[in-house]
């Protein structure tokens, strides 16, 4: 078996897919204890990665500015003051 890709290099979709596969494996209960711990550790890293990607996407969405007519008026940088 090849080593899995580093979590930080995965797209949201790839990380979520791998996380779902890990959950299925753990729920099946077929893996030995050490393998289950390794799967859980990888799953936790994937979960954190997905949460971070979602938070970053949410922050970008929230930075779309709206004009007086309610239409999108542009965007502002993530680090801009309120």
PDB file of N, CA and C in Angstrom:
ATOM      1  N   UNK A   1       0.850  -1.188   0.000  1.00  0.00           N
ATOM      2  CA  UNK A   1       0.000   0.000   0.000  1.00  0.00           C
ATOM      3  C   UNK A   1       0.885   1.236   0.000  1.00  0.00           C
ATOM      4  N   UNK A   2       0.506   2.240  -0.802  1.00  0.00           N
ATOM      5  CA  UNK A   2       1.297   3.462  -0.863  1.00  0.00           C
ATOM      6  C   UNK A   2       0.882   4.407   0.252  1.00  0.00           C
ATOM      7  N   UNK A   3       1.813   5.280   0.598  1.00  0.00           N
ATOM      8  CA  UNK A   3       1.514   6.273   1.625  1.00  0.00           C
ATOM      9  C   UNK A   3       0.476   7.251   1.078  1.00  0.00           C
ATOM     10  N   UNK A   4      -0.468   7.655   1.914  1.00  0.00           N
ATOM     11  CA  UNK A   4      -1.463   8.621   1.446  1.00  0.00           C
ATOM     12  C   UNK A   4      -0.837   9.990   1.220  1.00  0.00           C
ATOM     13  N   UNK A   5      -1.482  10.774   0.374  1.00  0.00           N
ATOM     14  CA  UNK A   5      -1.004  12.131   0.095  1.00  0.00           C
ATOM     15  C   UNK A   5      -1.060  12.962   1.368  1.00  0.00           C
ATOM     16  N   UNK A   6      -0.130  13.901   1.517  1.00  0.00           N
ATOM     17  CA  UNK A   6      -0.206  14.802   2.675  1.00  0.00           C
ATOM     18  C   UNK A   6      -1.560  15.526   2.682  1.00  0.00           C
ATOM     19  N   UNK A   7      -2.166  15.614   3.838  1.00  0.00           N
ATOM     20  CA  UNK A   7      -3.497  16.199   3.960  1.00  0.00           C
ATOM     21  C   UNK A   7      -3.535  17.615   3.395  1.00  0.00           C
ATOM     22  N   UNK A   8      -2.515  18.398   3.667  1.00  0.00           N
ATOM     23  CA  UNK A   8      -2.503  19.800   3.236  1.00  0.00           C
ATOM     24  C   UNK A   8      -2.547  19.960   1.719  1.00  0.00           C
ATOM     25  N   UNK A   9      -2.189  18.933   0.975  1.00  0.00           N
ATOM     26  CA  UNK A   9      -2.177  19.037  -0.483  1.00  0.00           C
ATOM     27  C   UNK A   9      -3.506  18.638  -1.118  1.00  0.00           C
ATOM     28  N   UNK A  10      -4.430  18.121  -0.322  1.00  0.00           N
ATOM     29  CA  UNK A  10      -5.690  17.611  -0.856  1.00  0.00           C
ATOM     30  C   UNK A  10      -6.702  18.731  -1.079  1.00  0.00           C
ATOM     31  N   UNK A  11      -7.483  18.581  -2.141  1.00  0.00           N
ATOM     32  CA  UNK A  11      -8.612  19.476  -2.345  1.00  0.00           C
ATOM     33  C   UNK A  11      -9.677  19.131  -1.303  1.00  0.00           C
ATOM     34  N   UNK A  12     -10.629  20.016  -1.133  1.00  0.00           N
ATOM     35  CA  UNK A  12     -11.724  19.741  -0.200  1.00  0.00           C
ATOM     36  C   UNK A  12     -12.423  18.445  -0.582  1.00  0.00           C
ATOM     37  N   UNK A  13     -12.716  18.287  -1.870  1.00  0.00           N
ATOM     38  CA  UNK A  13     -13.449  17.112  -2.336  1.00  0.00           C
ATOM     39  C   UNK A  13     -12.673  15.824  -2.100  1.00  0.00           C
ATOM     40  N   UNK A  14     -11.370  15.842  -2.364  1.00  0.00           N
ATOM     41  CA  UNK A  14     -10.554  14.646  -2.144  1.00  0.00           C
ATOM     42  C   UNK A  14     -10.459  14.306  -0.665  1.00  0.00           C
ATOM     43  N   UNK A  15     -10.296  15.324   0.163  1.00  0.00           N
ATOM     44  CA  UNK A  15     -10.211  15.096   1.605  1.00  0.00           C
ATOM     45  C   UNK A  15     -11.525  14.555   2.147  1.00  0.00           C
ATOM     46  N   UNK A  16     -12.641  15.100   1.692  1.00  0.00           N
ATOM     47  CA  UNK A  16     -13.947  14.644   2.154  1.00  0.00           C
ATOM     48  C   UNK A  16     -14.206  13.202   1.709  1.00  0.00           C
ATOM     49  N   UNK A  17     -13.816  12.883   0.502  1.00  0.00           N
ATOM     50  CA  UNK A  17     -13.989  11.524  -0.005  1.00  0.00           C
ATOM     51  C   UNK A  17     -13.177  10.524   0.822  1.00  0.00           C
ATOM     52  N   UNK A  18     -11.938  10.880   1.112  1.00  0.00           N
ATOM     53  CA  UNK A  18     -11.096  10.007   1.924  1.00  0.00           C
ATOM     54  C   UNK A  18     -11.646   9.880   3.341  1.00  0.00           C
ATOM     55  N   UNK A  19     -12.126  10.983   3.886  1.00  0.00           N
ATOM     56  CA  UNK A  19     -12.711  10.958   5.230  1.00  0.00           C
ATOM     57  C   UNK A  19     -13.938  10.040   5.274  1.00  0.00           C
ATOM     58  N   UNK A  20     -14.780  10.121   4.264  1.00  0.00           N
ATOM     59  CA  UNK A  20     -15.953   9.245   4.204  1.00  0.00           C
ATOM     60  C   UNK A  20     -15.546   7.778   4.144  1.00  0.00           C
ATOM     61  N   UNK A  21     -14.492   7.474   3.387  1.00  0.00           N
ATOM     62  CA  UNK A  21     -14.007   6.091   3.301  1.00  0.00           C
ATOM     63  C   UNK A  21     -13.481   5.613   4.657  1.00  0.00           C
ATOM     64  N   UNK A  22     -12.794   6.484   5.362  1.00  0.00           N
ATOM     65  CA  UNK A  22     -12.268   6.138   6.686  1.00  0.00           C
ATOM     66  C   UNK A  22     -13.415   5.873   7.661  1.00  0.00           C
ATOM     67  N   UNK A  23     -14.433   6.707   7.622  1.00  0.00           N
ATOM     68  CA  UNK A  23     -15.581   6.512   8.504  1.00  0.00           C
ATOM     69  C   UNK A  23     -16.231   5.156   8.226  1.00  0.00           C
ATOM     70  N   UNK A  24     -16.391   4.821   6.950  1.00  0.00           N
ATOM     71  CA  UNK A  24     -16.969   3.508   6.602  1.00  0.00           C
ATOM     72  C   UNK A  24     -16.118   2.374   7.156  1.00  0.00           C
ATOM     73  N   UNK A  25     -14.788   2.488   7.026  1.00  0.00           N
ATOM     74  CA  UNK A  25     -13.892   1.449   7.533  1.00  0.00           C
ATOM     75  C   UNK A  25     -14.013   1.314   9.045  1.00  0.00           C
ATOM     76  N   UNK A  26     -14.023   2.440   9.737  1.00  0.00           N
ATOM     77  CA  UNK A  26     -14.116   2.398  11.196  1.00  0.00           C
ATOM     78  C   UNK A  26     -15.465   1.854  11.645  1.00  0.00           C
ATOM     79  N   UNK A  27     -16.530   2.238  10.961  1.00  0.00           N
ATOM     80  CA  UNK A  27     -17.857   1.736  11.312  1.00  0.00           C
ATOM     81  C   UNK A  27     -17.980   0.244  11.080  1.00  0.00           C
ATOM     82  N   UNK A  28     -17.274  -0.277  10.079  1.00  0.00           N
ATOM     83  CA  UNK A  28     -17.317  -1.709   9.803  1.00  0.00           C
ATOM     84  C   UNK A  28     -16.662  -2.501  10.924  1.00  0.00           C
ATOM     85  N   UNK A  29     -15.703  -1.889  11.607  1.00  0.00           N
ATOM     86  CA  UNK A  29     -15.052  -2.536  12.740  1.00  0.00           C
ATOM     87  C   UNK A  29     -14.141  -3.694  12.376  1.00  0.00           C
ATOM     88  N   UNK A  30     -13.702  -3.768  11.139  1.00  0.00           N
ATOM     89  CA  UNK A  30     -12.873  -4.888  10.684  1.00  0.00           C
ATOM     90  C   UNK A  30     -11.377  -4.665  10.880  1.00  0.00           C
ATOM     91  N   UNK A  31     -10.966  -3.425  11.097  1.00  0.00           N
ATOM     92  CA  UNK A  31      -9.537  -3.119  11.196  1.00  0.00           C
ATOM     93  C   UNK A  31      -9.015  -3.458  12.592  1.00  0.00           C
ATOM     94  N   UNK A  32      -7.789  -3.955  12.673  1.00  0.00           N
ATOM     95  CA  UNK A  32      -7.175  -4.185  13.984  1.00  0.00           C
ATOM     96  C   UNK A  32      -7.038  -2.856  14.740  1.00  0.00           C
ATOM     97  N   UNK A  33      -6.817  -2.938  16.027  1.00  0.00           N
ATOM     98  CA  UNK A  33      -6.765  -1.748  16.880  1.00  0.00           C
ATOM     99  C   UNK A  33      -5.755  -0.720  16.382  1.00  0.00           C
ATOM    100  N   UNK A  34      -4.516  -1.132  16.123  1.00  0.00           N
ATOM    101  CA  UNK A  34      -3.491  -0.177  15.681  1.00  0.00           C
ATOM    102  C   UNK A  34      -3.884   0.499  14.368  1.00  0.00           C
ATOM    103  N   UNK A  35      -4.443  -0.266  13.449  1.00  0.00           N
ATOM    104  CA  UNK A  35      -4.882   0.306  12.177  1.00  0.00           C
ATOM    105  C   UNK A  35      -6.053   1.264  12.401  1.00  0.00           C
ATOM    106  N   UNK A  36      -6.941   0.921  13.318  1.00  0.00           N
ATOM    107  CA  UNK A  36      -8.072   1.798  13.627  1.00  0.00           C
ATOM    108  C   UNK A  36      -7.597   3.123  14.209  1.00  0.00           C
ATOM    109  N   UNK A  37      -6.587   3.067  15.073  1.00  0.00           N
ATOM    110  CA  UNK A  37      -6.033   4.301  15.645  1.00  0.00           C
ATOM    111  C   UNK A  37      -5.410   5.144  14.538  1.00  0.00           C
ATOM    112  N   UNK A  38      -4.676   4.515  13.639  1.00  0.00           N
ATOM    113  CA  UNK A  38      -4.072   5.242  12.515  1.00  0.00           C
ATOM    114  C   UNK A  38      -5.151   5.859  11.621  1.00  0.00           C
ATOM    115  N   UNK A  39      -6.207   5.098  11.349  1.00  0.00           N
ATOM    116  CA  UNK A  39      -7.309   5.618  10.541  1.00  0.00           C
ATOM    117  C   UNK A  39      -7.968   6.811  11.235  1.00  0.00           C
ATOM    118  N   UNK A  40      -8.191   6.683  12.527  1.00  0.00           N
ATOM    119  CA  UNK A  40      -8.817   7.766  13.279  1.00  0.00           C
ATOM    120  C   UNK A  40      -7.950   9.020  13.235  1.00  0.00           C
ATOM    121  N   UNK A  41      -6.647   8.856  13.402  1.00  0.00           N
ATOM    122  CA  UNK A  41      -5.722   9.994  13.370  1.00  0.00           C
ATOM    123  C   UNK A  41      -5.754  10.679  12.008  1.00  0.00           C
ATOM    124  N   UNK A  42      -5.722   9.891  10.954  1.00  0.00           N
ATOM    125  CA  UNK A  42      -5.796  10.449   9.596  1.00  0.00           C
ATOM    126  C   UNK A  42      -7.147  11.135   9.399  1.00  0.00           C
ATOM    127  N   UNK A  43      -8.204  10.513   9.872  1.00  0.00           N
ATOM    128  CA  UNK A  43      -9.534  11.087   9.745  1.00  0.00           C
ATOM    129  C   UNK A  43      -9.650  12.423  10.462  1.00  0.00           C
ATOM    130  N   UNK A  44      -9.064  12.516  11.635  1.00  0.00           N
ATOM    131  CA  UNK A  44      -9.095  13.774  12.394  1.00  0.00           C
ATOM    132  C   UNK A  44      -8.363  14.873  11.620  1.00  0.00           C
ATOM    133  N   UNK A  45      -7.227  14.547  11.026  1.00  0.00           N
ATOM    134  CA  UNK A  45      -6.482  15.535  10.226  1.00  0.00           C
ATOM    135  C   UNK A  45      -7.296  15.948   9.001  1.00  0.00           C
ATOM    136  N   UNK A  46      -7.964  14.997   8.363  1.00  0.00           N
ATOM    137  CA  UNK A  46      -8.795  15.314   7.205  1.00  0.00           C
ATOM    138  C   UNK A  46      -9.974  16.197   7.606  1.00  0.00           C
ATOM    139  N   UNK A  47     -10.580  15.908   8.729  1.00  0.00           N
ATOM    140  CA  UNK A  47     -11.704  16.705   9.228  1.00  0.00           C
ATOM    141  C   UNK A  47     -11.264  18.149   9.473  1.00  0.00           C
ATOM    142  N   UNK A  48     -10.131  18.339  10.115  1.00  0.00           N
ATOM    143  CA  UNK A  48      -9.627  19.691  10.381  1.00  0.00           C
ATOM    144  C   UNK A  48      -9.319  20.422   9.076  1.00  0.00           C
ATOM    145  N   UNK A  49      -8.761  19.698   8.113  1.00  0.00           N
ATOM    146  CA  UNK A  49      -8.441  20.286   6.814  1.00  0.00           C
ATOM    147  C   UNK A  49      -9.725  20.744   6.121  1.00  0.00           C
ATOM    148  N   UNK A  50     -10.748  19.895   6.128  1.00  0.00           N
ATOM    149  CA  UNK A  50     -12.015  20.251   5.500  1.00  0.00           C
ATOM    150  C   UNK A  50     -12.655  21.448   6.195  1.00  0.00           C
ATOM    151  N   UNK A  51     -12.623  21.465   7.515  1.00  0.00           N
ATOM    152  CA  UNK A  51     -13.182  22.588   8.258  1.00  0.00           C
ATOM    153  C   UNK A  51     -12.460  23.890   7.920  1.00  0.00           C
ATOM    154  N   UNK A  52     -11.144  23.825   7.799  1.00  0.00           N
ATOM    155  CA  UNK A  52     -10.368  25.019   7.461  1.00  0.00           C
ATOM    156  C   UNK A  52     -10.694  25.502   6.049  1.00  0.00           C
ATOM    157  N   UNK A  53     -10.825  24.574   5.108  1.00  0.00           N
ATOM    158  CA  UNK A  53     -11.169  24.951   3.734  1.00  0.00           C
ATOM    159  C   UNK A  53     -12.553  25.578   3.680  1.00  0.00           C
ATOM    160  N   UNK A  54     -13.501  25.025   4.443  1.00  0.00           N
ATOM    161  CA  UNK A  54     -14.845  25.586   4.480  1.00  0.00           C
ATOM    162  C   UNK A  54     -14.850  26.983   5.113  1.00  0.00           C
ATOM    163  N   UNK A  55     -14.100  27.151   6.195  1.00  0.00           N
ATOM    164  CA  UNK A  55     -14.019  28.456   6.853  1.00  0.00           C
ATOM    165  C   UNK A  55     -13.421  29.499   5.920  1.00  0.00           C
ATOM    166  N   UNK A  56     -12.405  29.125   5.169  1.00  0.00           N
ATOM    167  CA  UNK A  56     -11.782  30.056   4.227  1.00  0.00           C
ATOM    168  C   UNK A  56     -12.768  30.436   3.118  1.00  0.00           C
ATOM    169  N   UNK A  57     -13.510  29.457   2.636  1.00  0.00           N
ATOM    170  CA  UNK A  57     -14.510  29.740   1.599  1.00  0.00           C
ATOM    171  C   UNK A  57     -15.600  30.647   2.151  1.00  0.00           C
ATOM    172  N   UNK A  58     -16.043  30.388   3.367  1.00  0.00           N
ATOM    173  CA  UNK A  58     -17.067  31.221   3.992  1.00  0.00           C
ATOM    174  C   UNK A  58     -16.568  32.653   4.153  1.00  0.00           C
ATOM    175  N   UNK A  59     -15.338  32.818   4.570  1.00  0.00           N
ATOM    176  CA  UNK A  59     -14.779  34.161   4.741  1.00  0.00           C
ATOM    177  C   UNK A  59     -14.742  34.908   3.412  1.00  0.00           C
ATOM    178  N   UNK A  60     -14.402  34.210   2.351  1.00  0.00           N
ATOM    179  CA  UNK A  60     -14.367  34.853   1.033  1.00  0.00           C
ATOM    180  C   UNK A  60     -15.761  35.265   0.591  1.00  0.00           C
ATOM    181  N   UNK A  61     -16.735  34.428   0.859  1.00  0.00           N
ATOM    182  CA  UNK A  61     -18.114  34.748   0.487  1.00  0.00           C
ATOM    183  C   UNK A  61     -18.601  35.961   1.263  1.00  0.00           C
ATOM    184  N   UNK A  62     -18.292  36.041   2.531  1.00  0.00           N
ATOM    185  CA  UNK A  62     -18.746  37.138   3.366  1.00  0.00           C
ATOM    186  C   UNK A  62     -18.108  38.463   2.985  1.00  0.00           C
ATOM    187  N   UNK A  63     -17.021  38.445   2.256  1.00  0.00           N
ATOM    188  CA  UNK A  63     -16.349  39.680   1.891  1.00  0.00           C
ATOM    189  C   UNK A  63     -16.871  40.295   0.595  1.00  0.00           C
ATOM    190  N   UNK A  64     -17.872  39.670  -0.001  1.00  0.00           N
ATOM    191  CA  UNK A  64     -18.508  40.291  -1.164  1.00  0.00           C
ATOM    192  C   UNK A  64     -19.346  41.451  -0.644  1.00  0.00           C
ATOM    193  N   UNK A  65     -19.086  42.626  -1.169  1.00  0.00           N
ATOM    194  CA  UNK A  65     -19.810  43.801  -0.694  1.00  0.00           C
ATOM    195  C   UNK A  65     -21.080  44.000  -1.511  1.00  0.00           C
ATOM    196  N   UNK A  66     -22.080  44.560  -0.871  1.00  0.00           N
ATOM    197  CA  UNK A  66     -23.369  44.788  -1.513  1.00  0.00           C
ATOM    198  C   UNK A  66     -23.601  46.288  -1.600  1.00  0.00           C
ATOM    199  N   UNK A  67     -24.038  46.734  -2.768  1.00  0.00           N
ATOM    200  CA  UNK A  67     -24.327  48.152  -2.974  1.00  0.00           C
ATOM    201  C   UNK A  67     -25.695  48.526  -2.440  1.00  0.00           C
ATOM    202  N   UNK A  68     -26.033  49.815  -2.508  1.00  0.00           N
ATOM    203  CA  UNK A  68     -27.319  50.293  -1.988  1.00  0.00           C
ATOM    204  C   UNK A  68     -28.527  49.660  -2.676  1.00  0.00           C
ATOM    205  N   UNK A  69     -28.354  49.199  -3.917  1.00  0.00           N
ATOM    206  CA  UNK A  69     -29.465  48.569  -4.629  1.00  0.00           C
ATOM    207  C   UNK A  69     -29.585  47.073  -4.329  1.00  0.00           C
ATOM    208  N   UNK A  70     -28.696  46.570  -3.470  1.00  0.00           N
ATOM    209  CA  UNK A  70     -28.740  45.157  -3.097  1.00  0.00           C
ATOM    210  C   UNK A  70     -27.960  44.260  -4.016  1.00  0.00           C
ATOM    211  N   UNK A  71     -27.368  44.799  -5.058  1.00  0.00           N
ATOM    212  CA  UNK A  71     -26.574  44.009  -5.985  1.00  0.00           C
ATOM    213  C   UNK A  71     -25.137  43.949  -5.498  1.00  0.00           C
ATOM    214  N   UNK A  72     -24.446  42.888  -5.890  1.00  0.00           N
ATOM    215  CA  UNK A  72     -23.030  42.764  -5.528  1.00  0.00           C
ATOM    216  C   UNK A  72     -22.291  43.950  -6.115  1.00  0.00           C
ATOM    217  N   UNK A  73     -21.500  44.605  -5.254  1.00  0.00           N
ATOM    218  CA  UNK A  73     -20.790  45.812  -5.672  1.00  0.00           C
ATOM    219  C   UNK A  73     -19.292  45.585  -5.781  1.00  0.00           C
ATOM    220  N   UNK A  74     -18.822  44.433  -5.408  1.00  0.00           N
ATOM    221  CA  UNK A  74     -17.401  44.137  -5.465  1.00  0.00           C
ATOM    222  C   UNK A  74     -16.996  43.296  -4.287  1.00  0.00           C
ATOM    223  N   UNK A  75     -15.719  43.265  -4.063  1.00  0.00           N
ATOM    224  CA  UNK A  75     -15.192  42.498  -2.944  1.00  0.00           C
ATOM    225  C   UNK A  75     -14.145  43.346  -2.229  1.00  0.00           C
ATOM    226  N   UNK A  76     -13.812  42.916  -1.025  1.00  0.00           N
ATOM    227  CA  UNK A  76     -12.716  43.566  -0.304  1.00  0.00           C
ATOM    228  C   UNK A  76     -11.791  42.478   0.198  1.00  0.00           C
ATOM    229  N   UNK A  77     -10.520  42.804   0.387  1.00  0.00           N
ATOM    230  CA  UNK A  77      -9.542  41.796   0.837  1.00  0.00           C
ATOM    231  C   UNK A  77      -9.916  41.208   2.186  1.00  0.00           C
ATOM    232  N   UNK A  78      -9.501  39.974   2.418  1.00  0.00           N
ATOM    233  CA  UNK A  78      -9.787  39.306   3.671  1.00  0.00           C
ATOM    234  C   UNK A  78      -9.269  40.076   4.872  1.00  0.00           C
ATOM    235  N   UNK A  79      -8.125  40.758   4.720  1.00  0.00           N
ATOM    236  CA  UNK A  79      -7.522  41.426   5.879  1.00  0.00           C
ATOM    237  C   UNK A  79      -7.936  42.890   5.991  1.00  0.00           C
ATOM    238  N   UNK A  80      -8.915  43.320   5.207  1.00  0.00           N
ATOM    239  CA  UNK A  80      -9.355  44.713   5.278  1.00  0.00           C
ATOM    240  C   UNK A  80     -10.124  44.949   6.583  1.00  0.00           C
ATOM    241  N   UNK A  81      -9.968  46.143   7.121  1.00  0.00           N
ATOM    242  CA  UNK A  81     -10.712  46.497   8.344  1.00  0.00           C
ATOM    243  C   UNK A  81     -12.166  46.705   7.991  1.00  0.00           C
ATOM    244  N   UNK A  82     -13.070  46.198   8.915  1.00  0.00           N
ATOM    245  CA  UNK A  82     -14.505  46.240   8.770  1.00  0.00           C
ATOM    246  C   UNK A  82     -15.038  47.422   8.115  1.00  0.00           C
TER     247      UNK A  82
END
